[in-house]
């Protein structure tokens, strides 16, 4: 049986990446909606088996400048109320948090950028995120915003800088602040295009060299572990 997934994409460089082959292997067809430029077909999204909300450089609190975010929050809330599967990555996790009534805001500890492990809570250790545990893989981070833990949700992971790195809500909703989907092919050689995000880390050239070195060292392992995580999460979903 083929299932249908809708993917909200906010930036050309932040697509499904390594999620794509796993979705196909698990029986999903998917299509992108580039929400900054395309209308959001509410009924189609509500009927889809899965909604995936990817990352982007904008902030949830910048909805006046990016009004499509309000539509994304609204449709995410409608799916969450029906306990229909939703996965949010980085900005996507923040959209889920906002849809559940939590505050989203610039992170008080500054930007979290680079390859850093996540720490799983006890609930996280018994979830599909166990495949992303620090003893199994490093994790890629690139964000400056954070959010409060939504009421009724369960924290699954934290990091040294930010307590709320992953959470679940109900049976079928998962938000991850980090980027398990990245691949070496996707991000190698791209960091110099985002120097504005790197000025707080000292010498920008040194930070870029660190990012390139760590990507070469860690990306293949993350790709392998992400496949296990994503497959386990998709298999855990209830589509009743």
Foldseek 3Di string as FASTA:
>chain_A
DAFEEEEEDADPLWDQALVVVLCVVVRYDYDYDPQQPHDDPLVVNLPGQEYEYTDDDDALVVCVVRVSLVVVLVSLLVNVVVVGAYEYEANGLVSNQVSLPKDKDFQPQFWDFAWAAKDFDPVLCVALCVLRHPVQATFGATDGMDIDDRPQKAATIAGPRGGRQKIAHDQHYIYGNTDLNDACVSCAPPQVVPQVRVVVPPDSVVVNVRRNVVRVVTRVSSSVSVSSSSNRNVVSDDSD
